[in-house]
Amino acid sequence: MRSLTTALCCAMLAAVPGCGDDDTGSDGGGMTIDWNLSASHTIEDVNWPRDDLSAVVLDPVDRVSIRLPEGRRFAGDGELVHDVSLERRGRTVQTVQIDSYPKPDDDAYRLAVRWAEEWGLPTEPLTAWRDGGDSTVQTSVTESGRIGPKGPVPTVQIRPAEDGGRASLQFYWPD
């Protein structure tokens, strides 16, 4: 059901401008996302585009900067980031997911390992995937691995894509 909800939201968003401090400019490029989620993670913090949607996918993306608790920050550009997905419950953003472009398996693996190391996650599940494991792999920590006392839990995932794999970095607020 969650996949269907996400797919329907994605289809509905084709006509919705991006959210956040976006600037699609007149050159037809992607949006710039600049969010400060260091103290709160509300729909106001990301300028949620429509009240009737519980999930959104933002693309194309030129630049992404997301400030998180403890001075942590994710930054990426349109060469790295394909899209950013958001899910909410009520007025609270629960998940921010940053997806790479599809990449050959070795490149998806290297990106996923880089993200895992940057966010303090174990890389062993990713290595097992590279060595012939499951088609999808995820590495994360328990809730004790949150970024700050009320911050998100980071997760890195590799999923199958048309020409290899797609790395994803997700921030999830369990409360």
Protein backbone atom coordinates (compact mmCIF):
# COMPACT_ATOMS: atom_id res chain seq x y z
CA MET A 1 0.00 0.00 0.00
CA ARG A 2 2.87 2.37 0.83
CA SER A 3 4.29 1.89 -2.70
CA LEU A 4 0.91 2.70 -4.21
CA THR A 5 0.58 5.82 -2.06
CA THR A 6 4.05 6.98 -3.06
CA ALA A 7 3.39 6.28 -6.74
CA LEU A 8 0.10 8.18 -6.64
CA CYS A 9 1.74 11.13 -4.89
CA CYS A 10 4.54 11.15 -7.45
CA ALA A 11 2.04 11.22 -10.28
CA MET A 12 0.13 14.05 -8.62
CA LEU A 13 3.31 16.04 -8.13
CA ALA A 14 4.09 16.22 -11.82
CA ALA A 15 2.06 19.43 -11.89
CA VAL A 16 3.11 20.75 -8.47
CA PRO A 17 6.11 23.04 -8.06
CA GLY A 18 8.83 21.88 -5.68
CA CYS A 19 8.77 22.69 -2.02
CA GLY A 20 11.37 24.26 0.17
CA ASP A 21 13.30 27.31 -0.85
CA ASP A 22 13.28 26.28 -4.46
CA ASP A 23 14.32 28.27 -7.46
CA THR A 24 13.72 26.60 -10.76
CA GLY A 25 14.90 29.67 -12.62
CA SER A 26 14.16 30.53 -16.21
CA ASP A 27 16.84 28.23 -17.57
CA GLY A 28 14.64 25.18 -16.91
CA GLY A 29 17.11 23.73 -14.37
CA GLY A 30 16.22 21.97 -11.19
CA MET A 31 15.30 23.37 -7.82
CA THR A 32 17.54 24.43 -4.98
CA ILE A 33 16.62 22.92 -1.63
CA ASP A 34 17.92 24.70 1.47
CA TRP A 35 16.26 23.44 4.65
CA ASN A 36 17.14 23.93 8.29
CA LEU A 37 15.92 20.83 10.14
CA SER A 38 18.33 21.26 13.04
CA ALA A 39 15.69 22.30 15.60
CA SER A 40 12.41 21.07 14.09
CA HIS A 41 11.09 19.03 11.18
CA THR A 42 7.68 20.43 10.34
CA ILE A 43 5.96 20.90 7.00
CA GLU A 44 6.61 24.62 7.44
CA ASP A 45 10.36 23.93 7.60
CA VAL A 46 10.22 22.46 4.07
CA ASN A 47 7.40 24.62 2.65
CA TRP A 48 5.21 21.57 2.01
CA PRO A 49 3.49 22.17 -1.36
CA ARG A 50 -0.04 20.83 -0.76
CA ASP A 51 -1.97 19.96 2.39
CA ASP A 52 -3.73 17.01 0.71
CA LEU A 53 -0.47 15.09 0.13
CA SER A 54 1.24 12.91 2.73
CA ALA A 55 4.29 12.23 0.52
CA VAL A 56 6.09 14.22 -2.16
CA VAL A 57 8.98 13.66 -4.56
CA LEU A 58 10.98 16.71 -5.62
CA ASP A 59 12.89 16.62 -8.89
CA PRO A 60 14.83 17.73 -10.78
CA VAL A 61 17.26 18.98 -8.16
CA ASP A 62 20.20 21.34 -8.78
CA ARG A 63 21.43 21.73 -5.21
CA VAL A 64 20.50 20.34 -1.81
CA SER A 65 21.55 21.61 1.59
CA ILE A 66 19.88 20.15 4.67
CA ARG A 67 21.02 21.31 8.10
CA LEU A 68 20.51 18.76 10.88
CA PRO A 69 21.12 18.71 14.65
CA GLU A 70 24.65 18.80 16.10
CA GLY A 71 25.91 20.94 13.21
CA ARG A 72 25.54 18.09 10.72
CA ARG A 73 24.66 18.88 7.12
CA PHE A 74 23.95 17.06 3.90
CA ALA A 75 24.99 18.91 0.75
CA GLY A 76 24.81 17.67 -2.81
CA ASP A 77 24.25 18.87 -6.34
CA GLY A 78 22.30 17.79 -9.40
CA GLU A 79 25.16 15.56 -10.54
CA LEU A 80 24.77 13.47 -7.37
CA VAL A 81 21.13 13.92 -6.34
CA HIS A 82 18.32 12.81 -8.64
CA ASP A 83 15.42 13.55 -6.28
CA VAL A 84 14.43 14.20 -2.69
CA SER A 85 11.37 12.48 -1.22
CA LEU A 86 9.45 13.54 1.87
CA GLU A 87 6.83 11.81 3.98
CA ARG A 88 4.82 13.36 6.76
CA ARG A 89 2.36 12.51 9.51
CA GLY A 90 0.13 15.44 10.26
CA ARG A 91 2.29 18.56 10.31
CA THR A 92 5.51 16.65 11.10
CA VAL A 93 7.99 15.55 8.44
CA GLN A 94 8.98 11.99 9.33
CA THR A 95 11.26 11.05 6.44
CA VAL A 96 13.61 12.87 4.10
CA GLN A 97 15.15 10.60 1.46
CA ILE A 98 17.87 11.67 -0.96
CA ASP A 99 18.17 9.44 -4.04
CA SER A 100 21.13 9.28 -6.40
CA TYR A 101 20.83 8.75 -10.10
CA PRO A 102 20.95 5.11 -11.19
CA LYS A 103 24.59 4.03 -11.36
CA PRO A 104 26.56 0.94 -12.28
CA ASP A 105 26.66 -1.38 -9.26
CA ASP A 106 30.26 -0.51 -8.32
CA ASP A 107 29.49 3.24 -8.36
CA ALA A 108 26.27 2.77 -6.36
CA TYR A 109 28.23 0.71 -3.84
CA ARG A 110 31.00 3.32 -3.50
CA LEU A 111 28.47 6.12 -2.99
CA ALA A 112 26.50 4.10 -0.42
CA VAL A 113 29.72 3.29 1.49
CA ARG A 114 30.75 6.95 1.41
CA TRP A 115 27.39 8.02 2.82
CA ALA A 116 27.44 5.24 5.43
CA GLU A 117 30.89 6.30 6.62
CA GLU A 118 29.90 9.99 6.69
CA TRP A 119 26.86 9.23 8.86
CA GLY A 120 28.45 6.61 11.14
CA LEU A 121 26.66 3.57 9.75
CA PRO A 122 28.03 0.05 9.36
CA THR A 123 29.25 -0.79 5.86
CA GLU A 124 29.23 -4.59 6.18
CA PRO A 125 25.69 -5.02 4.76
CA LEU A 126 26.70 -2.92 1.75
CA THR A 127 29.80 -5.05 1.18
CA ALA A 128 27.67 -8.21 1.37
CA TRP A 129 25.40 -6.68 -1.31
CA ARG A 130 28.41 -5.96 -3.53
CA ASP A 131 29.61 -9.53 -3.05
CA GLY A 132 26.35 -10.98 -4.37
CA GLY A 133 23.82 -10.52 -1.62
CA ASP A 134 20.21 -9.47 -1.91
CA SER A 135 18.92 -7.16 -4.62
CA THR A 136 18.19 -4.45 -2.03
CA VAL A 137 20.27 -3.70 1.03
CA GLN A 138 19.96 -1.23 3.89
CA THR A 139 22.28 -0.23 6.69
CA SER A 140 21.19 1.73 9.71
CA VAL A 141 21.55 2.02 13.45
CA THR A 142 19.09 1.76 16.29
CA GLU A 143 17.25 4.77 17.63
CA SER A 144 20.22 5.33 19.93
CA GLY A 145 22.13 6.36 16.78
CA ARG A 146 20.01 9.47 16.33
CA ILE A 147 21.66 12.70 15.32
CA GLY A 148 21.10 14.61 18.55
CA PRO A 149 18.52 13.75 21.23
CA LYS A 150 15.49 14.50 19.02
CA GLY A 151 17.13 14.31 15.60
CA PRO A 152 16.72 11.76 12.84
CA VAL A 153 18.13 8.28 12.46
CA PRO A 154 20.21 8.03 9.24
CA THR A 155 19.90 5.05 6.91
CA VAL A 156 21.66 4.17 3.64
CA GLN A 157 20.14 1.85 1.07
CA ILE A 158 21.01 0.44 -2.36
CA ARG A 159 18.08 -0.56 -4.57
CA PRO A 160 18.00 -2.07 -8.04
CA ALA A 161 17.76 0.43 -10.89
CA GLU A 162 17.53 0.14 -14.66
CA ASP A 163 21.29 0.14 -15.20
CA GLY A 164 22.66 -1.02 -11.85
CA GLY A 165 21.85 0.38 -8.43
CA ARG A 166 20.54 3.53 -6.83
CA ALA A 167 21.94 4.71 -3.51
CA SER A 168 19.64 6.45 -1.05
CA LEU A 169 20.36 8.36 2.13
CA GLN A 170 17.37 8.64 4.43
CA PHE A 171 16.76 10.62 7.60
CA TYR A 172 13.90 9.27 9.72
CA TRP A 173 12.43 10.87 12.83
CA PRO A 174 10.86 8.04 14.86
CA ASP A 175 8.72 10.31 17.05
